[in-house]
Protein backbone atom coordinates (compact mmCIF):
# COMPACT_ATOMS: atom_id res chain seq x y z
CA UNK A 1 -0.11 0.07 -0.19
CA UNK A 2 1.14 3.38 -1.47
CA UNK A 3 0.16 5.28 1.97
CA UNK A 4 0.76 2.97 4.41
CA UNK A 5 1.46 3.99 7.73
CA UNK A 6 3.25 1.80 9.71
CA UNK A 7 6.69 1.44 8.02
CA UNK A 8 6.57 4.59 6.10
CA UNK A 9 9.11 7.42 6.26
CA UNK A 10 6.66 9.87 7.94
CA UNK A 11 7.10 10.02 10.86
CA UNK A 12 4.96 10.11 14.40
CA UNK A 13 4.96 14.16 14.61
CA UNK A 14 4.51 15.03 10.56
CA UNK A 15 1.69 12.59 10.92
CA UNK A 16 0.25 14.45 14.09
CA UNK A 17 0.99 17.91 12.23
CA UNK A 18 -1.06 16.34 9.36
CA UNK A 19 -3.63 15.06 11.13
CA UNK A 20 -4.49 17.97 13.36
CA UNK A 21 -4.77 20.37 10.85
CA UNK A 22 -8.21 19.56 10.37
CA UNK A 23 -9.56 19.77 13.55
CA UNK A 24 -11.25 23.19 14.78
CA UNK A 25 -9.73 25.46 17.13
CA UNK A 26 -11.74 28.23 19.11
CA UNK A 27 -10.88 31.19 21.59
CA UNK A 28 -11.30 29.08 24.43
CA UNK A 29 -8.12 27.50 24.06
CA UNK A 30 -5.20 29.46 25.14
CA UNK A 31 -2.35 26.87 23.39
CA UNK A 32 -3.52 24.10 21.44
CA UNK A 33 -1.17 20.88 20.26
CA UNK A 34 1.94 21.08 19.66
CA UNK A 35 3.28 21.79 23.29
CA UNK A 36 3.47 19.09 26.46
CA UNK A 37 0.15 19.94 27.35
CA UNK A 38 -2.49 22.42 25.63
CA UNK A 39 -3.73 25.09 27.81
CA UNK A 40 -7.18 26.03 28.28
CA UNK A 41 -9.32 28.97 28.92
CA UNK A 42 -10.72 28.93 32.37
CA UNK A 43 -14.08 26.72 32.92
CA UNK A 44 -17.09 29.30 34.14
CA UNK A 45 -18.62 26.51 35.99
CA UNK A 46 -18.18 22.80 37.36
CA UNK A 47 -15.99 20.90 35.15
CA UNK A 48 -16.21 17.57 33.47
CA UNK A 49 -14.01 15.22 31.96
CA UNK A 50 -15.16 11.70 30.02
CA UNK A 51 -12.79 9.50 28.20
CA UNK A 52 -14.07 6.45 25.97
CA UNK A 53 -12.26 4.07 23.67
CA UNK A 54 -13.59 2.69 19.99
CA UNK A 55 -11.83 -0.57 19.24
CA UNK A 56 -11.55 -2.59 15.96
CA UNK A 57 -13.45 -6.08 17.03
CA UNK A 58 -14.91 -4.93 20.31
CA UNK A 59 -17.00 -1.50 18.79
CA UNK A 60 -16.77 -1.52 15.34
CA UNK A 61 -15.79 -3.48 12.22
CA UNK A 62 -14.08 -1.44 9.46
CA UNK A 63 -15.58 -2.68 6.67
CA UNK A 64 -19.08 -1.57 7.71
CA UNK A 65 -18.59 1.94 7.98
CA UNK A 66 -16.98 4.81 6.37
CA UNK A 67 -13.91 6.22 7.97
CA UNK A 68 -15.60 9.45 8.19
CA UNK A 69 -18.42 8.06 9.64
CA UNK A 70 -15.96 5.97 12.21
CA UNK A 71 -14.28 9.56 12.91
CA UNK A 72 -17.65 10.86 13.65
CA UNK A 73 -19.06 8.10 16.15
CA UNK A 74 -15.58 8.28 17.95
CA UNK A 75 -16.34 11.36 19.20
CA UNK A 76 -20.20 11.14 19.69
CA UNK A 77 -19.96 8.22 22.34
CA UNK A 78 -17.95 11.05 24.27
CA UNK A 79 -20.05 13.96 23.48
CA UNK A 80 -23.31 11.76 24.61
CA UNK A 81 -21.95 11.87 27.97
CA UNK A 82 -21.25 15.32 28.35
CA UNK A 83 -24.54 15.64 27.33
CA UNK A 84 -26.08 13.65 29.91
CA UNK A 85 -24.67 16.10 32.74
CA UNK A 86 -26.08 18.64 30.80
CA UNK A 87 -22.98 19.77 29.86
CA UNK A 88 -21.10 21.72 27.05
CA UNK A 89 -17.67 20.39 25.74
CA UNK A 90 -15.09 22.65 25.53
CA UNK A 91 -11.67 20.47 24.35
CA UNK A 92 -10.45 17.02 23.54
CA UNK A 93 -7.62 14.74 23.36
CA UNK A 94 -7.29 11.76 21.32
CA UNK A 95 -5.04 8.65 21.38
CA UNK A 96 -4.65 6.78 17.89
CA UNK A 97 -3.58 2.97 18.65
CA UNK A 98 -3.06 2.44 14.86
CA UNK A 99 -2.59 -1.10 12.98
CA UNK A 100 -0.37 -2.11 10.24
CA UNK A 101 -2.25 -1.91 6.50
CA UNK A 102 -3.92 1.13 7.26
CA UNK A 103 -3.10 4.28 4.78
CA UNK A 104 -2.54 8.11 5.26
CA UNK A 105 -5.78 8.07 2.85
CA UNK A 106 -7.52 6.14 5.56
CA UNK A 107 -6.69 8.91 8.59
CA UNK A 108 -7.22 11.64 6.36
CA UNK A 109 -10.99 10.66 6.34
CA UNK A 110 -11.19 9.66 9.39
CA UNK A 111 -9.98 13.09 11.03
CA UNK A 112 -12.37 14.49 8.06
CA UNK A 113 -15.23 12.88 9.92
CA UNK A 114 -14.19 13.78 13.51
CA UNK A 115 -13.58 17.46 12.65
CA UNK A 116 -16.78 17.98 10.87
CA UNK A 117 -18.23 16.79 14.39
CA UNK A 118 -15.98 18.58 16.56
CA UNK A 119 -17.21 21.95 15.12
CA UNK A 120 -20.71 20.96 15.05
CA UNK A 121 -20.94 20.19 18.63
CA UNK A 122 -18.05 23.91 19.28
CA UNK A 123 -15.38 21.59 20.70
CA UNK A 124 -11.60 21.58 20.38
CA UNK A 125 -9.60 18.66 19.93
CA UNK A 126 -6.31 20.50 21.60
CA UNK A 127 -3.98 17.79 21.29
CA UNK A 128 -3.24 13.81 21.34
CA UNK A 129 -1.08 10.82 20.88
CA UNK A 130 -0.10 7.95 18.27
CA UNK A 131 1.35 4.41 19.39
CA UNK A 132 0.97 1.40 17.23
CA UNK A 133 -0.91 -1.41 18.02
CA UNK A 134 -2.18 -4.77 16.33
CA UNK A 135 -5.74 -3.16 16.11
CA UNK A 136 -7.02 -0.03 15.58
CA UNK A 137 -8.20 1.85 18.72
CA UNK A 138 -9.55 5.61 19.16
CA UNK A 139 -9.39 7.06 22.64
CA UNK A 140 -10.84 9.99 23.12
CA UNK A 141 -11.19 12.24 26.23
CA UNK A 142 -13.32 15.57 26.60
CA UNK A 143 -13.20 18.08 28.78
CA UNK A 144 -16.60 20.20 29.57
CA UNK A 145 -18.35 22.51 31.97
CA UNK A 146 -21.70 22.13 33.48
CA UNK A 147 -23.21 25.71 33.38
CA UNK A 148 -26.25 24.82 34.33
CA UNK A 149 -25.21 22.60 37.12
CA UNK A 150 -24.04 18.73 36.38
CA UNK A 151 -27.32 15.91 36.58
CA UNK A 152 -25.95 12.72 38.14
CA UNK A 153 -27.03 8.98 38.20
CA UNK A 154 -27.63 9.05 42.28
CA UNK A 155 -30.46 12.01 42.92
CA UNK A 156 -33.44 9.96 41.74
CA UNK A 157 -35.90 9.72 44.12
CA UNK A 158 -39.17 7.15 44.58
CA UNK A 159 -42.36 9.45 43.17
CA UNK A 160 -40.02 10.19 40.10
CA UNK A 161 -41.34 9.74 36.61
CA UNK A 162 -38.66 8.13 34.24
CA UNK A 163 -38.74 9.29 30.69
CA UNK A 164 -36.17 8.82 27.64
CA UNK A 165 -35.66 10.71 24.41
CA UNK A 166 -36.20 9.23 21.42
CA UNK A 167 -36.07 5.14 20.59
CA UNK A 168 -34.73 2.12 21.67
CA UNK A 169 -33.13 -0.49 20.46
CA UNK A 170 -32.52 1.10 16.79
CA UNK A 171 -28.62 0.68 16.96
CA UNK A 172 -28.55 -3.04 18.31
CA UNK A 173 -30.99 -3.80 14.96
CA UNK A 174 -28.82 -2.21 13.24
CA UNK A 175 -25.77 -4.17 14.28
CA UNK A 176 -27.47 -7.42 13.96
CA UNK A 177 -28.43 -6.68 10.39
CA UNK A 178 -24.92 -5.47 10.10
CA UNK A 179 -23.44 -9.36 11.30
CA UNK A 180 -26.39 -11.02 8.95
CA UNK A 181 -28.13 -12.06 12.29
CA UNK A 182 -31.18 -10.07 11.11
CA UNK A 183 -32.77 -9.82 7.85
CA UNK A 184 -33.83 -6.22 6.62
CA UNK A 185 -34.46 -4.05 3.50
CA UNK A 186 -34.97 -0.93 1.88
CA UNK A 187 -35.45 2.38 3.90
CA UNK A 188 -35.83 0.36 7.32
CA UNK A 189 -32.77 -1.62 6.68
CA UNK A 190 -31.34 1.77 5.83
CA UNK A 191 -32.63 3.82 8.65
CA UNK A 192 -31.72 1.00 11.48
CA UNK A 193 -28.00 0.66 10.16
CA UNK A 194 -27.74 4.32 9.99
CA UNK A 195 -28.47 4.78 14.04
CA UNK A 196 -26.16 2.36 14.79
CA UNK A 197 -23.24 4.18 12.47
CA UNK A 198 -24.07 7.31 12.62
CA UNK A 199 -25.05 8.04 16.53
CA UNK A 200 -26.07 11.87 17.62
CA UNK A 201 -25.58 13.15 21.23
CA UNK A 202 -28.02 14.97 22.43
CA UNK A 203 -26.45 17.77 23.73
CA UNK A 204 -28.54 20.26 22.97
CA UNK A 205 -31.55 18.33 25.27
CA UNK A 206 -28.82 17.57 28.02
CA UNK A 207 -28.78 21.29 28.56
CA UNK A 208 -32.00 22.12 28.20
CA UNK A 209 -33.00 19.67 30.36
CA UNK A 210 -30.01 20.80 33.14
CA UNK A 211 -32.13 24.01 33.55
CA UNK A 212 -35.10 22.78 34.81
CA UNK A 213 -35.15 22.47 38.76
CA UNK A 214 -34.83 20.18 40.87
CA UNK A 215 -32.25 18.68 38.66
CA UNK A 216 -32.97 15.54 36.90
CA UNK A 217 -31.15 12.37 37.36
CA UNK A 218 -29.98 11.53 33.93
CA UNK A 219 -27.47 8.79 31.82
CA UNK A 220 -27.05 8.17 28.56
CA UNK A 221 -28.80 4.68 26.85
CA UNK A 222 -25.28 3.15 25.91
CA UNK A 223 -25.15 0.55 26.95
CA UNK A 224 -29.05 -0.22 26.91
CA UNK A 225 -32.10 0.90 28.31
CA UNK A 226 -32.64 -1.26 30.93
CA UNK A 227 -29.01 -1.19 31.97
CA UNK A 228 -28.94 2.06 31.88
CA UNK A 229 -31.47 2.70 34.24
CA UNK A 230 -30.27 -0.04 36.20
CA UNK A 231 -27.29 2.38 36.64
CA UNK A 232 -29.52 5.23 37.80
CA UNK A 233 -31.11 2.97 40.52
CA UNK A 234 -28.11 1.58 41.77
CA UNK A 235 -26.86 4.77 42.53
CA UNK A 236 -29.58 6.43 43.73
CA UNK A 237 -30.38 3.31 45.80
CA UNK A 238 -34.17 3.05 44.03
CA UNK A 239 -36.31 0.40 41.93
CA UNK A 240 -38.41 1.13 38.77
CA UNK A 241 -41.92 0.09 36.78
CA UNK A 242 -41.35 0.15 33.46
CA UNK A 243 -44.26 -0.16 31.09
CA UNK A 244 -43.97 -2.08 28.40
CA UNK A 245 -46.07 -0.55 26.05
CA UNK A 246 -44.39 2.78 26.68
CA UNK A 247 -41.36 1.71 25.47
CA UNK A 248 -40.68 3.80 22.55
CA UNK A 249 -39.64 2.02 19.45
CA UNK A 250 -39.52 3.17 15.64
CA UNK A 251 -41.13 2.36 13.04
CA UNK A 252 -38.38 0.81 11.24
CA UNK A 253 -38.00 -0.80 14.60
CA UNK A 254 -41.69 -2.83 14.65
CA UNK A 255 -41.54 -3.58 10.86
CA UNK A 256 -37.95 -5.90 11.51
CA UNK A 257 -37.96 -6.69 15.04
CA UNK A 258 -41.69 -6.64 15.37
CA UNK A 259 -43.22 -6.70 18.92
CA UNK A 260 -40.29 -8.48 21.03
CA UNK A 261 -38.98 -6.12 23.43
CA UNK A 262 -35.69 -7.58 23.85
CA UNK A 263 -33.25 -5.32 21.95
CA UNK A 264 -35.49 -2.55 23.00
CA UNK A 265 -34.10 -3.12 26.81
CA UNK A 266 -31.29 -4.85 26.23
CA UNK A 267 -29.41 -3.17 22.85
CA UNK A 268 -27.15 -0.64 23.48
CA UNK A 269 -25.55 2.34 21.31
CA UNK A 270 -28.51 4.40 21.02
CA UNK A 271 -27.37 7.21 22.99
CA UNK A 272 -30.53 8.83 24.15
CA UNK A 273 -30.97 10.37 27.06
CA UNK A 274 -33.15 8.87 30.17
CA UNK A 275 -33.84 11.11 32.50
CA UNK A 276 -35.75 10.74 35.98
CA UNK A 277 -38.22 14.15 36.89
CA UNK A 278 -40.99 15.00 39.99
CA UNK A 279 -43.91 14.57 38.38
CA UNK A 280 -46.00 16.49 36.70
CA UNK A 281 -44.27 17.22 33.43
CA UNK A 282 -46.11 15.55 30.39
CA UNK A 283 -44.09 14.06 27.65
CA UNK A 284 -45.75 16.09 24.75
CA UNK A 285 -44.59 19.18 27.03
CA UNK A 286 -41.31 17.87 27.55
CA UNK A 287 -40.60 17.49 24.04
CA UNK A 288 -41.02 21.23 22.91
CA UNK A 289 -38.82 22.33 26.13
CA UNK A 290 -35.99 20.01 25.04
CA UNK A 291 -36.07 19.49 20.91
CA UNK A 292 -36.39 16.07 20.89
CA UNK A 293 -39.23 13.37 21.09
CA UNK A 294 -39.90 12.10 24.69
CA UNK A 295 -41.86 9.14 26.21
CA UNK A 296 -42.32 8.80 29.59
CA UNK A 297 -41.79 4.75 30.00
CA UNK A 298 -42.42 4.53 33.84
CA UNK A 299 -42.03 5.81 37.36
CA UNK A 300 -39.27 5.30 40.10
CA UNK A 301 -40.33 2.97 43.25
CA UNK A 302 -38.79 2.60 47.04
CA UNK A 303 -37.36 -0.78 47.17
CA UNK A 304 -34.78 -2.68 44.83
CA UNK A 305 -36.61 -4.53 42.08
CA UNK A 306 -36.64 -3.28 38.20
CA UNK A 307 -40.49 -4.34 37.35
CA UNK A 308 -41.71 -4.31 33.63
CA UNK A 309 -45.74 -3.88 33.81
CA UNK A 310 -47.80 -4.84 30.99
CA UNK A 311 -51.73 -4.52 30.00
CA UNK A 312 -54.09 -3.19 32.59
CA UNK A 313 -50.47 -2.37 35.11
CA UNK A 314 -50.47 -6.49 35.29
CA UNK A 315 -46.89 -7.40 36.27
CA UNK A 316 -45.70 -8.95 33.23
CA UNK A 317 -42.00 -9.75 34.74
CA UNK A 318 -39.14 -8.93 36.99
CA UNK A 319 -36.51 -7.47 35.02
CA UNK A 320 -33.77 -8.00 37.71
CA UNK A 321 -32.72 -5.98 41.41
CA UNK A 322 -30.81 -2.64 41.13
CA UNK A 323 -27.80 -3.17 39.32
CA UNK A 324 -28.30 -6.54 37.90
CA UNK A 325 -30.25 -5.84 34.65
CA UNK A 326 -28.51 -7.38 32.01
CA UNK A 327 -27.36 -4.92 29.14
CA UNK A 328 -23.78 -4.24 26.87
CA UNK A 329 -20.54 -5.39 28.58
CA UNK A 330 -17.35 -4.29 27.80
CA UNK A 331 -15.86 -7.27 29.30
CA UNK A 332 -18.15 -10.00 27.72
CA UNK A 333 -17.45 -11.93 24.45
CA UNK A 334 -20.56 -10.53 22.25
């Protein structure tokens, strides 16, 4: 491969310079890439920090996506964490682990997608590191601030209503379609696959949520609706009742998956927001306030169980105890 990186005379710092030239910078960055550390202007309020990795063979397969989409998605998974805290992203750093067989053109396109996502989110990429590895891995740390106060997982209380943005299970269905485990055609296939390959972080909805008092308890749905709700319940020391019929599913999900709730409850990678509010807000009002479709799916109760409620208020089944609900597990083979 003429433009292969490993084994090429192009050295590490030349590659870094080539890639960071594609990335946006703003006045909130005093000193960007090129020194031992970046220098950022002081944050106005609470500073928040998150880190996430995308590893080839674990989180993606190169043959399923484009470099541009992969670059954007690598940043989106971090931005979704910032959204869950009601924050505003400010700066990010990237650790890029490069394997043999990937050329300059691939990384030019990867960074083009990443730069486009960064510009849309108004975040500066202010530094990073490059190393060699047996598999491609993209690890990004994002720093932000929570000017209206940071939403947390440990503030849900009995009597709160449980809401979720968007729809559940689409990305999990898209992953299974790509893996050949599920069949779909036409626009439904395209929609579900796109939801997996090109998710969006609910940054604006998160910021609007953080302006509500008392601050909601919130989390982003990355590991599955049931499991991420379980994280909130575990941290808050409460249980929940979830209404099966209220779990939002897209037209494409219903057409391809049908009435089965397994992917809607246990599938990851949707990057929607799940949040808990004091009673009194209708889903319709919240949808207008947040600028995204919102569904009420249940309520917080005392105790430690997570119960799925069917038609007529009849308990359909117990999903698990707080902290023990199944979903995506980074350390388990899938």
